[in-house]
Structures are given as structure tokens and as C-alpha cells.
Amino acid sequence: MVGFGLELSGIEPGPAPDSFLAIVREKAHLRASSLHHEAVRDPGADLSAVERELYDITQAVESTADRPVVGVQWHPEYLNYLPSQYALFRWLRQRAG
């Protein structure tokens, strides 16, 4: 599916149920803008891949050291009209503030 010039791919099977992203987004499955041709293969120390898309490409990593560290591969800023995407920005604003 294409929208706004972006390829939208379903992220399946979604984040681990107890992952930070699942808790913040309150949604297990979503559609995300997939713009990149590169991705994380092996997360670094204290990071874990918590979300993969249909093609087994890592879409999100989180800290395993109980720190508020999250990295996402897609562009939630292009989809911030969706509550599940805006939740990431709301979390970041609360942490900053």
C-alpha cells in the first residue's frame, strides 16, 4: 500500500507484549512508513530488537538495561495523526518535561 509517497508495511507480529512500545502505543499491530533500505541487524549492548516487520526487518529496539531508550526505524512523525504513533511523541514530551 502506498500513501503520501511512502510504502506502508504492516509490522507483524507486533512488539513483544511486555515491551515498552506495546505499553506506550496500547496497540499490538500497526502500519508504518517504510522508507529505508538499511536496518539494524544486530542490536548493540543493552539493546534488544522488539519489533520486526513482515520481511523480518528490525523496526524497533529498546534498552534491556531498564533505561528509557527506544529506537524506531519507521517515521512516526509522518503518521502522527494516528493515536498509536502520536503516543511515542507524547511519551517523549513527558520524559523531557
PDB file of N, CA and C in Angstrom:
ATOM      1  N   MET A   1       0.851  -1.178   0.000  1.00  0.00           N
ATOM      2  CA  MET A   1       0.000   0.000   0.000  1.00  0.00           C
ATOM      3  C   MET A   1       0.889   1.232   0.000  1.00  0.00           C
ATOM      4  N   VAL A   2       0.532   2.221  -0.753  1.00  0.00           N
ATOM      5  CA  VAL A   2       1.326   3.446  -0.828  1.00  0.00           C
ATOM      6  C   VAL A   2       0.462   4.624  -0.423  1.00  0.00           C
ATOM      7  N   GLY A   3       1.019   5.495   0.404  1.00  0.00           N
ATOM      8  CA  GLY A   3       0.326   6.696   0.828  1.00  0.00           C
ATOM      9  C   GLY A   3       1.327   7.788   1.117  1.00  0.00           C
ATOM     10  N   PHE A   4       1.081   8.979   0.692  1.00  0.00           N
ATOM     11  CA  PHE A   4       1.983  10.092   0.894  1.00  0.00           C
ATOM     12  C   PHE A   4       3.385   9.787   0.356  1.00  0.00           C
ATOM     13  N   GLY A   5       3.474   8.997  -0.685  1.00  0.00           N
ATOM     14  CA  GLY A   5       4.762   8.657  -1.254  1.00  0.00           C
ATOM     15  C   GLY A   5       5.552   7.663  -0.421  1.00  0.00           C
ATOM     16  N   LEU A   6       4.938   7.083   0.583  1.00  0.00           N
ATOM     17  CA  LEU A   6       5.627   6.159   1.468  1.00  0.00           C
ATOM     18  C   LEU A   6       5.059   4.767   1.289  1.00  0.00           C
ATOM     19  N   GLU A   7       5.916   3.793   1.370  1.00  0.00           N
ATOM     20  CA  GLU A   7       5.422   2.423   1.379  1.00  0.00           C
ATOM     21  C   GLU A   7       4.996   2.114   2.797  1.00  0.00           C
ATOM     22  N   LEU A   8       3.774   1.686   2.978  1.00  0.00           N
ATOM     23  CA  LEU A   8       3.278   1.342   4.299  1.00  0.00           C
ATOM     24  C   LEU A   8       3.292  -0.163   4.440  1.00  0.00           C
ATOM     25  N   SER A   9       4.003  -0.623   5.435  1.00  0.00           N
ATOM     26  CA  SER A   9       4.090  -2.068   5.632  1.00  0.00           C
ATOM     27  C   SER A   9       3.565  -2.416   7.007  1.00  0.00           C
ATOM     28  N   GLY A  10       2.864  -3.500   7.092  1.00  0.00           N
ATOM     29  CA  GLY A  10       2.382  -3.966   8.388  1.00  0.00           C
ATOM     30  C   GLY A  10       3.531  -4.481   9.220  1.00  0.00           C
ATOM     31  N   ILE A  11       3.589  -4.092  10.445  1.00  0.00           N
ATOM     32  CA  ILE A  11       4.611  -4.605  11.337  1.00  0.00           C
ATOM     33  C   ILE A  11       3.986  -5.762  12.084  1.00  0.00           C
ATOM     34  N   GLU A  12       4.466  -6.944  11.821  1.00  0.00           N
ATOM     35  CA  GLU A  12       3.914  -8.160  12.405  1.00  0.00           C
ATOM     36  C   GLU A  12       5.030  -8.958  13.041  1.00  0.00           C
ATOM     37  N   PRO A  13       4.835  -9.709  14.031  1.00  0.00           N
ATOM     38  CA  PRO A  13       3.573  -9.859  14.723  1.00  0.00           C
ATOM     39  C   PRO A  13       3.328  -8.769  15.747  1.00  0.00           C
ATOM     40  N   GLY A  14       4.072  -7.686  15.655  1.00  0.00           N
ATOM     41  CA  GLY A  14       3.933  -6.600  16.609  1.00  0.00           C
ATOM     42  C   GLY A  14       4.998  -6.716  17.683  1.00  0.00           C
ATOM     43  N   PRO A  15       5.037  -5.746  18.580  1.00  0.00           N
ATOM     44  CA  PRO A  15       6.056  -5.765  19.619  1.00  0.00           C
ATOM     45  C   PRO A  15       5.788  -6.873  20.624  1.00  0.00           C
ATOM     46  N   ALA A  16       6.835  -7.245  21.322  1.00  0.00           N
ATOM     47  CA  ALA A  16       6.654  -8.193  22.415  1.00  0.00           C
ATOM     48  C   ALA A  16       5.616  -7.600  23.361  1.00  0.00           C
ATOM     49  N   PRO A  17       4.682  -8.402  23.879  1.00  0.00           N
ATOM     50  CA  PRO A  17       3.573  -7.876  24.683  1.00  0.00           C
ATOM     51  C   PRO A  17       4.019  -7.046  25.890  1.00  0.00           C
ATOM     52  N   ASP A  18       5.178  -7.358  26.456  1.00  0.00           N
ATOM     53  CA  ASP A  18       5.643  -6.610  27.616  1.00  0.00           C
ATOM     54  C   ASP A  18       6.678  -5.553  27.247  1.00  0.00           C
ATOM     55  N   SER A  19       6.848  -5.294  25.946  1.00  0.00           N
ATOM     56  CA  SER A  19       7.820  -4.290  25.528  1.00  0.00           C
ATOM     57  C   SER A  19       7.293  -2.890  25.823  1.00  0.00           C
ATOM     58  N   PHE A  20       8.203  -1.981  25.934  1.00  0.00           N
ATOM     59  CA  PHE A  20       7.858  -0.584  26.164  1.00  0.00           C
ATOM     60  C   PHE A  20       6.936  -0.068  25.061  1.00  0.00           C
ATOM     61  N   LEU A  21       7.270  -0.373  23.806  1.00  0.00           N
ATOM     62  CA  LEU A  21       6.454   0.122  22.695  1.00  0.00           C
ATOM     63  C   LEU A  21       5.022  -0.372  22.749  1.00  0.00           C
ATOM     64  N   ALA A  22       4.826  -1.616  23.115  1.00  0.00           N
ATOM     65  CA  ALA A  22       3.468  -2.151  23.215  1.00  0.00           C
ATOM     66  C   ALA A  22       2.691  -1.428  24.300  1.00  0.00           C
ATOM     67  N   ILE A  23       3.344  -1.131  25.386  1.00  0.00           N
ATOM     68  CA  ILE A  23       2.678  -0.456  26.508  1.00  0.00           C
ATOM     69  C   ILE A  23       2.347   0.988  26.146  1.00  0.00           C
ATOM     70  N   VAL A  24       3.299   1.718  25.566  1.00  0.00           N
ATOM     71  CA  VAL A  24       3.079   3.128  25.219  1.00  0.00           C
ATOM     72  C   VAL A  24       2.027   3.269  24.128  1.00  0.00           C
ATOM     73  N   ARG A  25       2.128   2.448  23.096  1.00  0.00           N
ATOM     74  CA  ARG A  25       1.203   2.573  21.964  1.00  0.00           C
ATOM     75  C   ARG A  25      -0.161   2.015  22.252  1.00  0.00           C
ATOM     76  N   GLU A  26      -0.248   1.098  23.211  1.00  0.00           N
ATOM     77  CA  GLU A  26      -1.505   0.423  23.515  1.00  0.00           C
ATOM     78  C   GLU A  26      -2.084  -0.249  22.276  1.00  0.00           C
ATOM     79  N   LYS A  27      -1.206  -0.733  21.420  1.00  0.00           N
ATOM     80  CA  LYS A  27      -1.652  -1.384  20.191  1.00  0.00           C
ATOM     81  C   LYS A  27      -0.575  -2.371  19.759  1.00  0.00           C
ATOM     82  N   ALA A  28      -0.999  -3.582  19.444  1.00  0.00           N
ATOM     83  CA  ALA A  28      -0.034  -4.614  19.077  1.00  0.00           C
ATOM     84  C   ALA A  28       0.380  -4.540  17.613  1.00  0.00           C
ATOM     85  N   HIS A  29      -0.537  -4.174  16.732  1.00  0.00           N
ATOM     86  CA  HIS A  29      -0.235  -4.148  15.309  1.00  0.00           C
ATOM     87  C   HIS A  29      -0.445  -2.738  14.777  1.00  0.00           C
ATOM     88  N   LEU A  30       0.375  -2.350  13.824  1.00  0.00           N
ATOM     89  CA  LEU A  30       0.195  -1.042  13.217  1.00  0.00           C
ATOM     90  C   LEU A  30       0.761  -1.042  11.824  1.00  0.00           C
ATOM     91  N   ARG A  31       0.481   0.027  11.126  1.00  0.00           N
ATOM     92  CA  ARG A  31       1.069   0.236   9.812  1.00  0.00           C
ATOM     93  C   ARG A  31       2.069   1.358   9.973  1.00  0.00           C
ATOM     94  N   ALA A  32       3.202   1.197   9.299  1.00  0.00           N
ATOM     95  CA  ALA A  32       4.273   2.174   9.474  1.00  0.00           C
ATOM     96  C   ALA A  32       4.855   2.558   8.131  1.00  0.00           C
ATOM     97  N   SER A  33       5.406   3.759   8.073  1.00  0.00           N
ATOM     98  CA  SER A  33       6.065   4.215   6.856  1.00  0.00           C
ATOM     99  C   SER A  33       7.434   3.549   6.769  1.00  0.00           C
ATOM    100  N   SER A  34       7.677   2.877   5.686  1.00  0.00           N
ATOM    101  CA  SER A  34       8.932   2.161   5.495  1.00  0.00           C
ATOM    102  C   SER A  34       9.696   2.851   4.371  1.00  0.00           C
ATOM    103  N   LEU A  35      10.722   3.607   4.734  1.00  0.00           N
ATOM    104  CA  LEU A  35      11.462   4.405   3.764  1.00  0.00           C
ATOM    105  C   LEU A  35      12.900   3.952   3.580  1.00  0.00           C
ATOM    106  N   HIS A  36      13.376   3.108   4.452  1.00  0.00           N
ATOM    107  CA  HIS A  36      14.801   2.814   4.496  1.00  0.00           C
ATOM    108  C   HIS A  36      15.177   1.543   3.769  1.00  0.00           C
ATOM    109  N   HIS A  37      16.419   1.523   3.320  1.00  0.00           N
ATOM    110  CA  HIS A  37      16.983   0.335   2.698  1.00  0.00           C
ATOM    111  C   HIS A  37      18.019  -0.301   3.612  1.00  0.00           C
ATOM    112  N   GLU A  38      18.173   0.243   4.796  1.00  0.00           N
ATOM    113  CA  GLU A  38      19.105  -0.276   5.782  1.00  0.00           C
ATOM    114  C   GLU A  38      18.369  -0.436   7.100  1.00  0.00           C
ATOM    115  N   ALA A  39      18.867  -1.349   7.930  1.00  0.00           N
ATOM    116  CA  ALA A  39      18.216  -1.572   9.224  1.00  0.00           C
ATOM    117  C   ALA A  39      19.224  -2.205  10.182  1.00  0.00           C
ATOM    118  N   VAL A  40      18.843  -2.252  11.438  1.00  0.00           N
ATOM    119  CA  VAL A  40      19.663  -2.874  12.469  1.00  0.00           C
ATOM    120  C   VAL A  40      19.628  -4.386  12.279  1.00  0.00           C
ATOM    121  N   ARG A  41      20.778  -4.979  12.149  1.00  0.00           N
ATOM    122  CA  ARG A  41      20.849  -6.441  12.074  1.00  0.00           C
ATOM    123  C   ARG A  41      21.077  -7.014  13.464  1.00  0.00           C
ATOM    124  N   ASP A  42      22.089  -6.489  14.138  1.00  0.00           N
ATOM    125  CA  ASP A  42      22.443  -6.966  15.474  1.00  0.00           C
ATOM    126  C   ASP A  42      22.445  -5.778  16.425  1.00  0.00           C
ATOM    127  N   PRO A  43      21.448  -5.677  17.304  1.00  0.00           N
ATOM    128  CA  PRO A  43      21.434  -4.570  18.256  1.00  0.00           C
ATOM    129  C   PRO A  43      22.685  -4.601  19.126  1.00  0.00           C
ATOM    130  N   GLY A  44      23.130  -3.446  19.545  1.00  0.00           N
ATOM    131  CA  GLY A  44      24.322  -3.345  20.382  1.00  0.00           C
ATOM    132  C   GLY A  44      24.059  -3.803  21.804  1.00  0.00           C
ATOM    133  N   ALA A  45      25.071  -3.596  22.635  1.00  0.00           N
ATOM    134  CA  ALA A  45      24.982  -3.972  24.047  1.00  0.00           C
ATOM    135  C   ALA A  45      23.798  -3.274  24.694  1.00  0.00           C
ATOM    136  N   ASP A  46      23.092  -3.986  25.523  1.00  0.00           N
ATOM    137  CA  ASP A  46      21.941  -3.480  26.274  1.00  0.00           C
ATOM    138  C   ASP A  46      20.767  -3.054  25.389  1.00  0.00           C
ATOM    139  N   LEU A  47      20.707  -3.556  24.168  1.00  0.00           N
ATOM    140  CA  LEU A  47      19.575  -3.286  23.282  1.00  0.00           C
ATOM    141  C   LEU A  47      18.995  -4.602  22.789  1.00  0.00           C
ATOM    142  N   SER A  48      17.690  -4.587  22.552  1.00  0.00           N
ATOM    143  CA  SER A  48      17.003  -5.767  22.044  1.00  0.00           C
ATOM    144  C   SER A  48      16.060  -5.357  20.932  1.00  0.00           C
ATOM    145  N   ALA A  49      16.030  -6.128  19.854  1.00  0.00           N
ATOM    146  CA  ALA A  49      15.053  -5.900  18.781  1.00  0.00           C
ATOM    147  C   ALA A  49      13.699  -6.367  19.299  1.00  0.00           C
ATOM    148  N   VAL A  50      12.749  -5.463  19.365  1.00  0.00           N
ATOM    149  CA  VAL A  50      11.436  -5.801  19.928  1.00  0.00           C
ATOM    150  C   VAL A  50      10.318  -5.795  18.891  1.00  0.00           C
ATOM    151  N   GLU A  51      10.649  -5.363  17.684  1.00  0.00           N
ATOM    152  CA  GLU A  51       9.606  -5.306  16.666  1.00  0.00           C
ATOM    153  C   GLU A  51      10.221  -5.518  15.293  1.00  0.00           C
ATOM    154  N   ARG A  52       9.583  -6.391  14.526  1.00  0.00           N
ATOM    155  CA  ARG A  52      10.037  -6.670  13.163  1.00  0.00           C
ATOM    156  C   ARG A  52       8.851  -6.577  12.220  1.00  0.00           C
ATOM    157  N   GLU A  53       9.140  -6.235  10.983  1.00  0.00           N
ATOM    158  CA  GLU A  53       8.067  -6.168  10.001  1.00  0.00           C
ATOM    159  C   GLU A  53       7.914  -7.509   9.299  1.00  0.00           C
ATOM    160  N   LEU A  54       7.022  -7.562   8.357  1.00  0.00           N
ATOM    161  CA  LEU A  54       6.716  -8.811   7.648  1.00  0.00           C
ATOM    162  C   LEU A  54       7.935  -9.433   6.977  1.00  0.00           C
ATOM    163  N   TYR A  55       8.886  -8.613   6.575  1.00  0.00           N
ATOM    164  CA  TYR A  55      10.080  -9.105   5.884  1.00  0.00           C
ATOM    165  C   TYR A  55      11.231  -9.368   6.848  1.00  0.00           C
ATOM    166  N   ASP A  56      10.925  -9.447   8.147  1.00  0.00           N
ATOM    167  CA  ASP A  56      11.887  -9.741   9.203  1.00  0.00           C
ATOM    168  C   ASP A  56      12.931  -8.638   9.384  1.00  0.00           C
ATOM    169  N   ILE A  57      12.597  -7.425   8.998  1.00  0.00           N
ATOM    170  CA  ILE A  57      13.488  -6.285   9.188  1.00  0.00           C
ATOM    171  C   ILE A  57      13.174  -5.669  10.543  1.00  0.00           C
ATOM    172  N   THR A  58      14.215  -5.458  11.330  1.00  0.00           N
ATOM    173  CA  THR A  58      14.027  -4.844  12.646  1.00  0.00           C
ATOM    174  C   THR A  58      13.463  -3.443  12.470  1.00  0.00           C
ATOM    175  N   GLN A  59      12.380  -3.154  13.169  1.00  0.00           N
ATOM    176  CA  GLN A  59      11.759  -1.838  13.105  1.00  0.00           C
ATOM    177  C   GLN A  59      11.859  -1.076  14.420  1.00  0.00           C
ATOM    178  N   ALA A  60      12.198  -1.763  15.511  1.00  0.00           N
ATOM    179  CA  ALA A  60      12.327  -1.060  16.793  1.00  0.00           C
ATOM    180  C   ALA A  60      13.265  -1.816  17.714  1.00  0.00           C
ATOM    181  N   VAL A  61      14.025  -1.038  18.484  1.00  0.00           N
ATOM    182  CA  VAL A  61      14.893  -1.589  19.520  1.00  0.00           C
ATOM    183  C   VAL A  61      14.588  -0.871  20.827  1.00  0.00           C
ATOM    184  N   GLU A  62      14.867  -1.563  21.915  1.00  0.00           N
ATOM    185  CA  GLU A  62      14.668  -0.995  23.248  1.00  0.00           C
ATOM    186  C   GLU A  62      15.848  -1.372  24.129  1.00  0.00           C
ATOM    187  N   SER A  63      16.011  -0.618  25.192  1.00  0.00           N
ATOM    188  CA  SER A  63      17.033  -0.926  26.187  1.00  0.00           C
ATOM    189  C   SER A  63      16.634  -2.163  26.978  1.00  0.00           C
ATOM    190  N   THR A  64      17.612  -3.010  27.248  1.00  0.00           N
ATOM    191  CA  THR A  64      17.394  -4.154  28.131  1.00  0.00           C
ATOM    192  C   THR A  64      17.925  -3.847  29.523  1.00  0.00           C
ATOM    193  N   ALA A  65      18.424  -2.632  29.715  1.00  0.00           N
ATOM    194  CA  ALA A  65      19.039  -2.223  30.981  1.00  0.00           C
ATOM    195  C   ALA A  65      18.116  -1.332  31.803  1.00  0.00           C
ATOM    196  N   ASP A  66      16.813  -1.465  31.586  1.00  0.00           N
ATOM    197  CA  ASP A  66      15.819  -0.706  32.336  1.00  0.00           C
ATOM    198  C   ASP A  66      16.062   0.798  32.253  1.00  0.00           C
ATOM    199  N   ARG A  67      16.346   1.259  31.043  1.00  0.00           N
ATOM    200  CA  ARG A  67      16.513   2.692  30.773  1.00  0.00           C
ATOM    201  C   ARG A  67      15.472   3.101  29.742  1.00  0.00           C
ATOM    202  N   PRO A  68      15.060   4.365  29.727  1.00  0.00           N
ATOM    203  CA  PRO A  68      14.064   4.811  28.746  1.00  0.00           C
ATOM    204  C   PRO A  68      14.706   5.073  27.378  1.00  0.00           C
ATOM    205  N   VAL A  69      15.164   4.019  26.732  1.00  0.00           N
ATOM    206  CA  VAL A  69      15.823   4.127  25.432  1.00  0.00           C
ATOM    207  C   VAL A  69      15.021   3.328  24.412  1.00  0.00           C
ATOM    208  N   VAL A  70      14.615   4.008  23.350  1.00  0.00           N
ATOM    209  CA  VAL A  70      13.838   3.385  22.284  1.00  0.00           C
ATOM    210  C   VAL A  70      14.355   3.924  20.960  1.00  0.00           C
ATOM    211  N   GLY A  71      14.458   3.061  19.982  1.00  0.00           N
ATOM    212  CA  GLY A  71      14.800   3.483  18.630  1.00  0.00           C
ATOM    213  C   GLY A  71      13.822   2.856  17.662  1.00  0.00           C
ATOM    214  N   VAL A  72      13.277   3.658  16.760  1.00  0.00           N
ATOM    215  CA  VAL A  72      12.359   3.119  15.759  1.00  0.00           C
ATOM    216  C   VAL A  72      12.913   3.390  14.376  1.00  0.00           C
ATOM    217  N   GLN A  73      12.686   2.458  13.480  1.00  0.00           N
ATOM    218  CA  GLN A  73      13.181   2.548  12.114  1.00  0.00           C
ATOM    219  C   GLN A  73      12.222   3.322  11.219  1.00  0.00           C
ATOM    220  N   TRP A  74      10.941   3.251  11.514  1.00  0.00           N
ATOM    221  CA  TRP A  74       9.962   3.940  10.665  1.00  0.00           C
ATOM    222  C   TRP A  74       9.886   5.414  11.060  1.00  0.00           C
ATOM    223  N   HIS A  75       9.031   6.158  10.430  1.00  0.00           N
ATOM    224  CA  HIS A  75       8.902   7.599  10.659  1.00  0.00           C
ATOM    225  C   HIS A  75       7.555   7.930  11.284  1.00  0.00           C
ATOM    226  N   PRO A  76       7.441   7.845  12.614  1.00  0.00           N
ATOM    227  CA  PRO A  76       6.156   8.155  13.243  1.00  0.00           C
ATOM    228  C   PRO A  76       5.734   9.611  13.039  1.00  0.00           C
ATOM    229  N   GLU A  77       6.682  10.495  12.748  1.00  0.00           N
ATOM    230  CA  GLU A  77       6.309  11.899  12.531  1.00  0.00           C
ATOM    231  C   GLU A  77       5.476  12.074  11.273  1.00  0.00           C
ATOM    232  N   TYR A  78       5.575  11.152  10.326  1.00  0.00           N
ATOM    233  CA  TYR A  78       4.750  11.215   9.121  1.00  0.00           C
ATOM    234  C   TYR A  78       3.350  10.672   9.365  1.00  0.00           C
ATOM    235  N   LEU A  79       3.170   9.982  10.477  1.00  0.00           N
ATOM    236  CA  LEU A  79       1.896   9.341  10.791  1.00  0.00           C
ATOM    237  C   LEU A  79       1.364   9.796  12.146  1.00  0.00           C
ATOM    238  N   ASN A  80       1.764  10.981  12.593  1.00  0.00           N
ATOM    239  CA  ASN A  80       1.406  11.409  13.953  1.00  0.00           C
ATOM    240  C   ASN A  80      -0.083  11.700  14.134  1.00  0.00           C
ATOM    241  N   TYR A  81      -0.856  11.624  13.081  1.00  0.00           N
ATOM    242  CA  TYR A  81      -2.313  11.756  13.207  1.00  0.00           C
ATOM    243  C   TYR A  81      -2.944  10.464  13.734  1.00  0.00           C
ATOM    244  N   LEU A  82      -2.159   9.384  13.768  1.00  0.00           N
ATOM    245  CA  LEU A  82      -2.643   8.116  14.320  1.00  0.00           C
ATOM    246  C   LEU A  82      -2.313   8.057  15.806  1.00  0.00           C
ATOM    247  N   PRO A  83      -3.278   7.781  16.651  1.00  0.00           N
ATOM    248  CA  PRO A  83      -3.021   7.749  18.095  1.00  0.00           C
ATOM    249  C   PRO A  83      -1.865   6.838  18.498  1.00  0.00           C
ATOM    250  N   SER A  84      -1.729   5.705  17.841  1.00  0.00           N
ATOM    251  CA  SER A  84      -0.650   4.778  18.195  1.00  0.00           C
ATOM    252  C   SER A  84       0.729   5.352  17.866  1.00  0.00           C
ATOM    253  N   GLN A  85       0.805   6.213  16.869  1.00  0.00           N
ATOM    254  CA  GLN A  85       2.077   6.853  16.520  1.00  0.00           C
ATOM    255  C   GLN A  85       2.320   8.089  17.391  1.00  0.00           C
ATOM    256  N   TYR A  86       1.276   8.871  17.607  1.00  0.00           N
ATOM    257  CA  TYR A  86       1.403  10.078  18.429  1.00  0.00           C
ATOM    258  C   TYR A  86       1.796   9.732  19.861  1.00  0.00           C
ATOM    259  N   ALA A  87       1.445   8.544  20.316  1.00  0.00           N
ATOM    260  CA  ALA A  87       1.784   8.121  21.673  1.00  0.00           C
ATOM    261  C   ALA A  87       3.288   8.168  21.915  1.00  0.00           C
ATOM    262  N   LEU A  88       4.089   7.909  20.890  1.00  0.00           N
ATOM    263  CA  LEU A  88       5.544   7.986  21.049  1.00  0.00           C
ATOM    264  C   LEU A  88       5.984   9.413  21.351  1.00  0.00           C
ATOM    265  N   PHE A  89       5.383  10.386  20.680  1.00  0.00           N
ATOM    266  CA  PHE A  89       5.730  11.793  20.906  1.00  0.00           C
ATOM    267  C   PHE A  89       5.237  12.272  22.265  1.00  0.00           C
ATOM    268  N   ARG A  90       4.058  11.811  22.641  1.00  0.00           N
ATOM    269  CA  ARG A  90       3.518  12.170  23.959  1.00  0.00           C
ATOM    270  C   ARG A  90       4.458  11.656  25.057  1.00  0.00           C
ATOM    271  N   TRP A  91       4.939  10.414  24.918  1.00  0.00           N
ATOM    272  CA  TRP A  91       5.869   9.843  25.880  1.00  0.00           C
ATOM    273  C   TRP A  91       7.159  10.661  25.930  1.00  0.00           C
ATOM    274  N   LEU A  92       7.692  11.022  24.778  1.00  0.00           N
ATOM    275  CA  LEU A  92       8.930  11.783  24.730  1.00  0.00           C
ATOM    276  C   LEU A  92       8.757  13.158  25.381  1.00  0.00           C
ATOM    277  N   ARG A  93       7.650  13.814  25.106  1.00  0.00           N
ATOM    278  CA  ARG A  93       7.387  15.122  25.709  1.00  0.00           C
ATOM    279  C   ARG A  93       7.283  15.002  27.228  1.00  0.00           C
ATOM    280  N   GLN A  94       6.629  13.964  27.722  1.00  0.00           N
ATOM    281  CA  GLN A  94       6.519  13.764  29.176  1.00  0.00           C
ATOM    282  C   GLN A  94       7.884  13.519  29.790  1.00  0.00           C
ATOM    283  N   ARG A  95       8.738  12.752  29.120  1.00  0.00           N
ATOM    284  CA  ARG A  95      10.076  12.463  29.638  1.00  0.00           C
ATOM    285  C   ARG A  95      10.944  13.717  29.658  1.00  0.00           C
ATOM    286  N   ALA A  96      10.756  14.590  28.679  1.00  0.00           N
ATOM    287  CA  ALA A  96      11.574  15.788  28.567  1.00  0.00           C
ATOM    288  C   ALA A  96      11.152  16.867  29.562  1.00  0.00           C
ATOM    289  N   GLY A  97       9.935  16.726  30.047  1.00  0.00           N
ATOM    290  CA  GLY A  97       9.420  17.755  30.750  1.00  0.00           C
ATOM    291  C   GLY A  97       9.044  18.198  31.945  1.00  0.00           C
TER     292      GLY A  97
END
